[in-house]
Amino acid sequence: MMHALSVLTFDRFLAGLSGLLSKAEAHCEARKITPDAILQFRLFPDMFPLTAQVQLACDFAARASARLAGITPRKFEDTESSFAELQARIALARDYIASFDPALYEEAGERVVTFPSAGREMQMAGRDYLSLYAVPQFYFHLTTAYNILRHNGIEVGKADFMGVAA
């Protein structure tokens, strides 16, 4: 159950994020917009740009999946600066979470997960960590990325967000 709630869910929505970025890149090409105008766009000055929103969505999916499997999460460098590099980051995160054996999640709901948050170390049962921390964080960054694209006129909708667009 925890494998489906984490890895399978994150994978589906990361695939959707990849589709969103494909539409954004096509939008830039069709309208001769410099990609950085979208990649570095922020909804508000104190928010992260699109590039960081994608990186963070990948990070929350990868780190949560690893921690729930009882594995120390790998570190991803935040060096992406193009649509192609962000697509590679998404693919890397998806491959990483797909590499975990579903059997590792059998006790994940009860496993104590230790993670850094706001400069301190936190501990929660896996079930609480997933539902009260990791999933909300993942969706916050995914939704913010989607909203940046919508705000900039990229034609995406709910089906794109949900990862079910044709």
N, C-alpha and C. Protein backbone atom coordinates (compact mmCIF):
# COMPACT_ATOMS: atom_id res chain seq x y z
N MET A 1 0.82 -1.19 0.00
CA MET A 1 0.00 0.00 0.00
C MET A 1 0.87 1.26 0.00
N MET A 2 1.88 1.33 0.86
CA MET A 2 2.72 2.52 0.93
C MET A 2 3.52 2.72 -0.36
N HIS A 3 3.87 1.64 -1.04
CA HIS A 3 4.56 1.76 -2.32
C HIS A 3 3.65 2.44 -3.34
N ALA A 4 2.41 2.02 -3.39
CA ALA A 4 1.46 2.63 -4.34
C ALA A 4 1.20 4.09 -3.98
N LEU A 5 1.08 4.38 -2.70
CA LEU A 5 0.79 5.75 -2.27
C LEU A 5 1.98 6.69 -2.46
N SER A 6 3.15 6.15 -2.54
CA SER A 6 4.33 7.00 -2.72
C SER A 6 4.89 6.86 -4.13
N VAL A 7 5.61 5.81 -4.39
CA VAL A 7 6.34 5.66 -5.65
C VAL A 7 5.41 5.74 -6.86
N LEU A 8 4.33 5.00 -6.86
CA LEU A 8 3.46 4.99 -8.04
C LEU A 8 2.78 6.34 -8.25
N THR A 9 2.40 6.97 -7.17
CA THR A 9 1.77 8.29 -7.27
C THR A 9 2.77 9.33 -7.74
N PHE A 10 3.93 9.37 -7.10
CA PHE A 10 4.95 10.34 -7.52
C PHE A 10 5.32 10.14 -8.98
N ASP A 11 5.47 8.90 -9.40
CA ASP A 11 5.87 8.63 -10.78
C ASP A 11 4.83 9.17 -11.77
N ARG A 12 3.57 8.94 -11.50
CA ARG A 12 2.52 9.42 -12.41
C ARG A 12 2.56 10.94 -12.53
N PHE A 13 2.69 11.62 -11.41
CA PHE A 13 2.66 13.08 -11.46
C PHE A 13 3.97 13.67 -11.97
N LEU A 14 5.08 12.98 -11.79
CA LEU A 14 6.32 13.43 -12.41
C LEU A 14 6.23 13.29 -13.93
N ALA A 15 5.57 12.24 -14.40
CA ALA A 15 5.34 12.09 -15.84
C ALA A 15 4.49 13.24 -16.35
N GLY A 16 3.48 13.62 -15.56
CA GLY A 16 2.66 14.77 -15.92
C GLY A 16 3.47 16.05 -15.96
N LEU A 17 4.37 16.22 -15.01
CA LEU A 17 5.24 17.39 -14.98
C LEU A 17 6.11 17.44 -16.23
N SER A 18 6.58 16.31 -16.66
CA SER A 18 7.37 16.24 -17.89
C SER A 18 6.53 16.71 -19.08
N GLY A 19 5.28 16.29 -19.12
CA GLY A 19 4.39 16.74 -20.19
C GLY A 19 4.14 18.24 -20.14
N LEU A 20 4.00 18.79 -18.94
CA LEU A 20 3.83 20.23 -18.79
C LEU A 20 5.03 20.98 -19.35
N LEU A 21 6.23 20.49 -19.03
CA LEU A 21 7.43 21.14 -19.53
C LEU A 21 7.56 21.03 -21.04
N SER A 22 7.12 19.91 -21.60
CA SER A 22 7.15 19.76 -23.06
C SER A 22 6.27 20.81 -23.72
N LYS A 23 5.10 21.03 -23.14
CA LYS A 23 4.20 22.05 -23.69
C LYS A 23 4.79 23.45 -23.52
N ALA A 24 5.45 23.69 -22.40
CA ALA A 24 6.08 24.99 -22.18
C ALA A 24 7.20 25.24 -23.19
N GLU A 25 8.00 24.22 -23.44
CA GLU A 25 9.09 24.37 -24.40
C GLU A 25 8.53 24.62 -25.80
N ALA A 26 7.49 23.87 -26.18
CA ALA A 26 6.87 24.07 -27.49
C ALA A 26 6.28 25.48 -27.61
N HIS A 27 5.70 25.97 -26.52
CA HIS A 27 5.14 27.32 -26.48
C HIS A 27 6.24 28.35 -26.74
N CYS A 28 7.37 28.18 -26.08
CA CYS A 28 8.49 29.10 -26.27
C CYS A 28 8.98 29.08 -27.71
N GLU A 29 9.12 27.89 -28.27
CA GLU A 29 9.60 27.77 -29.65
C GLU A 29 8.62 28.39 -30.63
N ALA A 30 7.33 28.10 -30.47
CA ALA A 30 6.31 28.60 -31.40
C ALA A 30 6.20 30.11 -31.37
N ARG A 31 6.40 30.69 -30.19
CA ARG A 31 6.22 32.14 -30.04
C ARG A 31 7.55 32.90 -29.96
N LYS A 32 8.62 32.17 -30.21
CA LYS A 32 9.96 32.76 -30.19
C LYS A 32 10.24 33.50 -28.87
N ILE A 33 9.88 32.83 -27.77
CA ILE A 33 10.12 33.36 -26.43
C ILE A 33 11.41 32.73 -25.91
N THR A 34 12.27 33.52 -25.35
CA THR A 34 13.49 33.00 -24.74
C THR A 34 13.09 32.06 -23.60
N PRO A 35 13.56 30.81 -23.60
CA PRO A 35 13.17 29.86 -22.55
C PRO A 35 13.37 30.39 -21.13
N ASP A 36 14.43 31.17 -20.92
CA ASP A 36 14.69 31.71 -19.57
C ASP A 36 13.55 32.58 -19.06
N ALA A 37 12.77 33.18 -19.97
CA ALA A 37 11.64 33.99 -19.54
C ALA A 37 10.64 33.13 -18.76
N ILE A 38 10.53 31.87 -19.12
CA ILE A 38 9.63 30.94 -18.42
C ILE A 38 10.39 30.22 -17.31
N LEU A 39 11.57 29.72 -17.61
CA LEU A 39 12.34 28.94 -16.64
C LEU A 39 12.69 29.72 -15.37
N GLN A 40 12.89 31.01 -15.51
CA GLN A 40 13.27 31.84 -14.35
C GLN A 40 12.11 32.64 -13.78
N PHE A 41 10.90 32.40 -14.30
CA PHE A 41 9.74 33.16 -13.85
C PHE A 41 9.33 32.73 -12.44
N ARG A 42 8.95 33.72 -11.63
CA ARG A 42 8.47 33.50 -10.27
C ARG A 42 7.07 34.10 -10.18
N LEU A 43 6.21 33.48 -9.41
CA LEU A 43 4.88 34.05 -9.20
C LEU A 43 4.94 35.28 -8.31
N PHE A 44 5.93 35.36 -7.44
CA PHE A 44 6.12 36.49 -6.55
C PHE A 44 7.61 36.55 -6.23
N PRO A 45 8.16 37.72 -5.99
CA PRO A 45 9.61 37.83 -5.80
C PRO A 45 10.21 36.91 -4.74
N ASP A 46 9.46 36.56 -3.69
CA ASP A 46 10.05 35.71 -2.65
C ASP A 46 9.82 34.21 -2.91
N MET A 47 9.30 33.89 -4.07
CA MET A 47 9.09 32.47 -4.43
C MET A 47 10.19 32.00 -5.36
N PHE A 48 10.37 30.69 -5.42
CA PHE A 48 11.35 30.11 -6.33
C PHE A 48 10.86 30.18 -7.77
N PRO A 49 11.80 30.23 -8.73
CA PRO A 49 11.42 30.21 -10.15
C PRO A 49 10.99 28.80 -10.57
N LEU A 50 10.49 28.71 -11.78
CA LEU A 50 10.03 27.43 -12.32
C LEU A 50 11.10 26.35 -12.19
N THR A 51 12.33 26.67 -12.55
CA THR A 51 13.40 25.67 -12.48
C THR A 51 13.49 25.05 -11.09
N ALA A 52 13.49 25.85 -10.07
CA ALA A 52 13.59 25.33 -8.70
C ALA A 52 12.33 24.57 -8.30
N GLN A 53 11.17 25.00 -8.78
CA GLN A 53 9.93 24.29 -8.46
C GLN A 53 10.00 22.85 -8.99
N VAL A 54 10.52 22.69 -10.19
CA VAL A 54 10.67 21.35 -10.78
C VAL A 54 11.70 20.55 -9.99
N GLN A 55 12.82 21.16 -9.67
CA GLN A 55 13.85 20.47 -8.90
C GLN A 55 13.29 19.99 -7.56
N LEU A 56 12.55 20.86 -6.88
CA LEU A 56 12.01 20.51 -5.57
C LEU A 56 10.93 19.44 -5.65
N ALA A 57 10.10 19.48 -6.67
CA ALA A 57 9.11 18.40 -6.84
C ALA A 57 9.83 17.06 -7.00
N CYS A 58 10.88 17.05 -7.81
CA CYS A 58 11.68 15.83 -7.99
C CYS A 58 12.31 15.40 -6.67
N ASP A 59 12.86 16.35 -5.93
CA ASP A 59 13.51 16.04 -4.66
C ASP A 59 12.54 15.44 -3.66
N PHE A 60 11.36 16.03 -3.51
CA PHE A 60 10.41 15.49 -2.53
C PHE A 60 9.96 14.09 -2.92
N ALA A 61 9.75 13.84 -4.20
CA ALA A 61 9.37 12.50 -4.64
C ALA A 61 10.49 11.50 -4.36
N ALA A 62 11.71 11.86 -4.74
CA ALA A 62 12.84 10.94 -4.59
C ALA A 62 13.21 10.70 -3.13
N ARG A 63 13.28 11.77 -2.35
CA ARG A 63 13.68 11.62 -0.96
C ARG A 63 12.63 10.88 -0.14
N ALA A 64 11.37 11.19 -0.37
CA ALA A 64 10.31 10.50 0.37
C ALA A 64 10.30 9.02 0.02
N SER A 65 10.41 8.71 -1.25
CA SER A 65 10.40 7.30 -1.67
C SER A 65 11.56 6.54 -1.05
N ALA A 66 12.73 7.16 -1.02
CA ALA A 66 13.91 6.51 -0.42
C ALA A 66 13.71 6.33 1.08
N ARG A 67 13.32 7.38 1.75
CA ARG A 67 13.17 7.29 3.21
C ARG A 67 12.13 6.24 3.60
N LEU A 68 11.04 6.19 2.88
CA LEU A 68 10.00 5.19 3.20
C LEU A 68 10.49 3.77 2.95
N ALA A 69 11.43 3.63 2.02
CA ALA A 69 12.02 2.32 1.74
C ALA A 69 13.13 1.98 2.74
N GLY A 70 13.45 2.91 3.63
CA GLY A 70 14.52 2.68 4.60
C GLY A 70 15.90 2.93 4.04
N ILE A 71 15.97 3.73 2.99
CA ILE A 71 17.23 4.01 2.29
C ILE A 71 17.58 5.48 2.48
N THR A 72 18.84 5.78 2.70
CA THR A 72 19.29 7.16 2.76
C THR A 72 19.15 7.77 1.37
N PRO A 73 18.44 8.89 1.24
CA PRO A 73 18.23 9.48 -0.09
C PRO A 73 19.51 9.97 -0.72
N ARG A 74 19.57 9.84 -2.02
CA ARG A 74 20.71 10.38 -2.75
C ARG A 74 20.53 11.88 -2.92
N LYS A 75 21.62 12.57 -3.14
CA LYS A 75 21.59 14.01 -3.36
C LYS A 75 21.56 14.28 -4.85
N PHE A 76 20.71 15.18 -5.25
CA PHE A 76 20.65 15.63 -6.64
C PHE A 76 21.21 17.05 -6.68
N GLU A 77 22.12 17.30 -7.59
CA GLU A 77 22.67 18.65 -7.74
C GLU A 77 21.63 19.50 -8.48
N ASP A 78 21.52 20.73 -8.09
CA ASP A 78 20.56 21.65 -8.71
C ASP A 78 21.26 22.52 -9.74
N THR A 79 21.60 21.90 -10.87
CA THR A 79 22.35 22.61 -11.90
C THR A 79 21.56 22.82 -13.19
N GLU A 80 20.32 22.38 -13.22
CA GLU A 80 19.53 22.46 -14.44
C GLU A 80 19.19 23.90 -14.79
N SER A 81 19.31 24.22 -16.08
CA SER A 81 19.01 25.58 -16.52
C SER A 81 18.30 25.61 -17.87
N SER A 82 17.84 24.46 -18.35
CA SER A 82 17.13 24.40 -19.63
C SER A 82 15.99 23.39 -19.52
N PHE A 83 15.09 23.44 -20.47
CA PHE A 83 14.00 22.46 -20.48
C PHE A 83 14.56 21.05 -20.60
N ALA A 84 15.56 20.85 -21.45
CA ALA A 84 16.14 19.52 -21.64
C ALA A 84 16.76 19.01 -20.33
N GLU A 85 17.45 19.88 -19.62
CA GLU A 85 18.07 19.46 -18.36
C GLU A 85 17.01 19.16 -17.30
N LEU A 86 15.93 19.92 -17.28
CA LEU A 86 14.84 19.62 -16.34
C LEU A 86 14.16 18.30 -16.69
N GLN A 87 14.01 18.03 -17.97
CA GLN A 87 13.45 16.74 -18.39
C GLN A 87 14.35 15.60 -17.94
N ALA A 88 15.65 15.79 -18.05
CA ALA A 88 16.59 14.77 -17.59
C ALA A 88 16.50 14.59 -16.08
N ARG A 89 16.30 15.67 -15.35
CA ARG A 89 16.15 15.61 -13.88
C ARG A 89 14.90 14.80 -13.51
N ILE A 90 13.82 15.05 -14.21
CA ILE A 90 12.58 14.29 -13.96
C ILE A 90 12.81 12.82 -14.27
N ALA A 91 13.44 12.53 -15.39
CA ALA A 91 13.71 11.13 -15.76
C ALA A 91 14.60 10.46 -14.72
N LEU A 92 15.59 11.17 -14.24
CA LEU A 92 16.49 10.63 -13.21
C LEU A 92 15.72 10.32 -11.92
N ALA A 93 14.85 11.25 -11.51
CA ALA A 93 14.05 11.02 -10.30
C ALA A 93 13.11 9.83 -10.49
N ARG A 94 12.49 9.74 -11.65
CA ARG A 94 11.58 8.62 -11.92
C ARG A 94 12.33 7.29 -11.92
N ASP A 95 13.49 7.26 -12.55
CA ASP A 95 14.30 6.03 -12.56
C ASP A 95 14.74 5.65 -11.15
N TYR A 96 15.12 6.65 -10.38
CA TYR A 96 15.57 6.42 -9.01
C TYR A 96 14.46 5.78 -8.17
N ILE A 97 13.27 6.36 -8.19
CA ILE A 97 12.20 5.80 -7.36
C ILE A 97 11.71 4.46 -7.88
N ALA A 98 11.82 4.24 -9.19
CA ALA A 98 11.43 2.95 -9.76
C ALA A 98 12.40 1.84 -9.37
N SER A 99 13.60 2.21 -8.94
CA SER A 99 14.61 1.21 -8.60
C SER A 99 14.38 0.54 -7.24
N PHE A 100 13.47 1.09 -6.43
CA PHE A 100 13.23 0.53 -5.11
C PHE A 100 12.28 -0.65 -5.18
N ASP A 101 12.69 -1.75 -4.57
CA ASP A 101 11.87 -2.96 -4.52
C ASP A 101 10.61 -2.67 -3.69
N PRO A 102 9.42 -2.95 -4.24
CA PRO A 102 8.19 -2.72 -3.48
C PRO A 102 8.16 -3.40 -2.12
N ALA A 103 8.89 -4.50 -1.96
CA ALA A 103 8.93 -5.20 -0.67
C ALA A 103 9.52 -4.32 0.43
N LEU A 104 10.33 -3.34 0.07
CA LEU A 104 10.93 -2.45 1.06
C LEU A 104 9.89 -1.57 1.75
N TYR A 105 8.70 -1.49 1.19
CA TYR A 105 7.65 -0.62 1.72
C TYR A 105 6.66 -1.34 2.62
N GLU A 106 6.89 -2.64 2.86
CA GLU A 106 5.92 -3.41 3.65
C GLU A 106 5.72 -2.86 5.05
N GLU A 107 6.75 -2.37 5.67
CA GLU A 107 6.65 -1.80 7.03
C GLU A 107 6.79 -0.28 7.03
N ALA A 108 6.69 0.33 5.85
CA ALA A 108 6.96 1.76 5.72
C ALA A 108 6.01 2.64 6.50
N GLY A 109 4.77 2.23 6.66
CA GLY A 109 3.81 3.05 7.39
C GLY A 109 4.18 3.24 8.85
N GLU A 110 4.78 2.22 9.43
CA GLU A 110 5.16 2.28 10.85
C GLU A 110 6.62 2.68 11.05
N ARG A 111 7.42 2.59 10.01
CA ARG A 111 8.84 2.91 10.12
C ARG A 111 9.00 4.38 10.53
N VAL A 112 9.89 4.65 11.46
CA VAL A 112 10.17 6.03 11.85
C VAL A 112 11.08 6.63 10.78
N VAL A 113 10.65 7.76 10.25
CA VAL A 113 11.40 8.46 9.22
C VAL A 113 12.00 9.71 9.84
N THR A 114 13.29 9.88 9.65
CA THR A 114 14.00 11.06 10.14
C THR A 114 14.37 11.90 8.93
N PHE A 115 14.09 13.20 9.03
CA PHE A 115 14.33 14.08 7.89
C PHE A 115 14.56 15.51 8.37
N PRO A 116 15.33 16.28 7.59
CA PRO A 116 15.54 17.68 7.96
C PRO A 116 14.36 18.54 7.50
N SER A 117 13.99 19.50 8.33
CA SER A 117 12.93 20.44 7.96
C SER A 117 13.13 21.73 8.74
N ALA A 118 13.19 22.82 8.00
CA ALA A 118 13.34 24.14 8.60
C ALA A 118 14.53 24.21 9.56
N GLY A 119 15.64 23.61 9.15
CA GLY A 119 16.86 23.69 9.94
C GLY A 119 16.93 22.79 11.15
N ARG A 120 15.99 21.88 11.27
CA ARG A 120 16.05 20.94 12.41
C ARG A 120 15.69 19.54 11.92
N GLU A 121 16.02 18.57 12.74
CA GLU A 121 15.73 17.18 12.41
C GLU A 121 14.36 16.80 12.95
N MET A 122 13.55 16.23 12.09
CA MET A 122 12.19 15.82 12.46
C MET A 122 12.10 14.29 12.38
N GLN A 123 11.15 13.73 13.12
CA GLN A 123 10.86 12.31 13.05
C GLN A 123 9.35 12.12 13.02
N MET A 124 8.91 11.22 12.17
CA MET A 124 7.50 10.88 12.07
C MET A 124 7.38 9.43 11.65
N ALA A 125 6.26 8.83 11.97
CA ALA A 125 5.96 7.51 11.41
C ALA A 125 5.81 7.69 9.90
N GLY A 126 6.20 6.69 9.14
CA GLY A 126 6.17 6.78 7.69
C GLY A 126 4.83 7.22 7.13
N ARG A 127 3.75 6.71 7.66
CA ARG A 127 2.42 7.08 7.18
C ARG A 127 2.19 8.58 7.34
N ASP A 128 2.55 9.12 8.52
CA ASP A 128 2.39 10.55 8.77
C ASP A 128 3.36 11.37 7.92
N TYR A 129 4.58 10.90 7.80
CA TYR A 129 5.57 11.59 6.98
C TYR A 129 5.06 11.74 5.55
N LEU A 130 4.53 10.65 4.99
CA LEU A 130 4.05 10.69 3.62
C LEU A 130 2.85 11.63 3.49
N SER A 131 1.85 11.43 4.33
CA SER A 131 0.60 12.18 4.14
C SER A 131 0.64 13.61 4.67
N LEU A 132 1.42 13.87 5.70
CA LEU A 132 1.42 15.20 6.31
C LEU A 132 2.60 16.07 5.90
N TYR A 133 3.62 15.48 5.30
CA TYR A 133 4.81 16.26 4.93
C TYR A 133 5.19 16.10 3.46
N ALA A 134 5.56 14.90 3.07
CA ALA A 134 6.14 14.70 1.73
C ALA A 134 5.14 14.98 0.61
N VAL A 135 3.95 14.41 0.70
CA VAL A 135 2.97 14.62 -0.37
C VAL A 135 2.55 16.09 -0.47
N PRO A 136 2.22 16.76 0.64
CA PRO A 136 1.89 18.18 0.51
C PRO A 136 3.03 19.02 -0.08
N GLN A 137 4.26 18.73 0.31
CA GLN A 137 5.41 19.46 -0.24
C GLN A 137 5.53 19.21 -1.75
N PHE A 138 5.40 17.95 -2.14
CA PHE A 138 5.49 17.59 -3.56
C PHE A 138 4.43 18.34 -4.37
N TYR A 139 3.19 18.28 -3.92
CA TYR A 139 2.11 18.93 -4.66
C TYR A 139 2.21 20.45 -4.63
N PHE A 140 2.75 21.01 -3.58
CA PHE A 140 2.95 22.46 -3.54
C PHE A 140 3.85 22.89 -4.70
N HIS A 141 4.98 22.21 -4.87
CA HIS A 141 5.93 22.59 -5.91
C HIS A 141 5.41 22.23 -7.30
N LEU A 142 4.73 21.11 -7.42
CA LEU A 142 4.13 20.73 -8.70
C LEU A 142 3.06 21.75 -9.10
N THR A 143 2.20 22.11 -8.17
CA THR A 143 1.13 23.07 -8.45
C THR A 143 1.71 24.45 -8.78
N THR A 144 2.75 24.85 -8.08
CA THR A 144 3.36 26.14 -8.36
C THR A 144 3.97 26.14 -9.75
N ALA A 145 4.62 25.05 -10.15
CA ALA A 145 5.15 24.95 -11.51
C ALA A 145 4.02 25.08 -12.52
N TYR A 146 2.93 24.36 -12.30
CA TYR A 146 1.77 24.43 -13.18
C TYR A 146 1.24 25.86 -13.26
N ASN A 147 1.12 26.52 -12.11
CA ASN A 147 0.59 27.88 -12.09
C ASN A 147 1.50 28.88 -12.79
N ILE A 148 2.80 28.68 -12.70
CA ILE A 148 3.73 29.54 -13.44
C ILE A 148 3.47 29.40 -14.94
N LEU A 149 3.28 28.18 -15.39
CA LEU A 149 3.04 27.96 -16.82
C LEU A 149 1.70 28.58 -17.25
N ARG A 150 0.66 28.34 -16.48
CA ARG A 150 -0.66 28.92 -16.80
C ARG A 150 -0.58 30.45 -16.81
N HIS A 151 0.07 31.01 -15.82
CA HIS A 151 0.18 32.46 -15.73
C HIS A 151 0.86 33.05 -16.97
N ASN A 152 1.77 32.30 -17.55
CA ASN A 152 2.51 32.75 -18.71
C ASN A 152 1.86 32.38 -20.04
N GLY A 153 0.61 31.93 -19.99
CA GLY A 153 -0.14 31.69 -21.21
C GLY A 153 0.08 30.35 -21.87
N ILE A 154 0.74 29.44 -21.21
CA ILE A 154 0.94 28.12 -21.79
C ILE A 154 -0.36 27.35 -21.66
N GLU A 155 -0.79 26.77 -22.75
CA GLU A 155 -2.09 26.10 -22.79
C GLU A 155 -2.00 24.71 -22.17
N VAL A 156 -2.19 24.69 -20.86
CA VAL A 156 -2.23 23.45 -20.10
C VAL A 156 -3.50 23.48 -19.28
N GLY A 157 -3.99 22.31 -18.94
CA GLY A 157 -5.20 22.22 -18.15
C GLY A 157 -5.10 21.12 -17.09
N LYS A 158 -6.23 20.83 -16.51
CA LYS A 158 -6.27 19.87 -15.42
C LYS A 158 -5.77 18.48 -15.86
N ALA A 159 -6.12 18.06 -17.06
CA ALA A 159 -5.67 16.75 -17.55
C ALA A 159 -4.14 16.70 -17.64
N ASP A 160 -3.54 17.83 -18.03
CA ASP A 160 -2.07 17.89 -18.08
C ASP A 160 -1.50 17.74 -16.67
N PHE A 161 -2.08 18.47 -15.73
CA PHE A 161 -1.62 18.40 -14.33
C PHE A 161 -1.75 16.98 -13.79
N MET A 162 -2.88 16.34 -14.09
CA MET A 162 -3.14 15.00 -13.59
C MET A 162 -2.33 13.93 -14.32
N GLY A 163 -1.66 14.30 -15.39
CA GLY A 163 -0.84 13.34 -16.11
C GLY A 163 -1.63 12.42 -17.02
N VAL A 164 -2.83 12.86 -17.43
CA VAL A 164 -3.67 12.02 -18.27
C VAL A 164 -3.98 12.68 -19.62
N ALA A 165 -3.32 13.78 -19.93
CA ALA A 165 -3.56 14.47 -21.21
C ALA A 165 -3.05 13.61 -22.36
N ALA A 166 -3.72 13.73 -23.47
CA ALA A 166 -3.34 12.95 -24.66
C ALA A 166 -2.09 13.50 -25.30
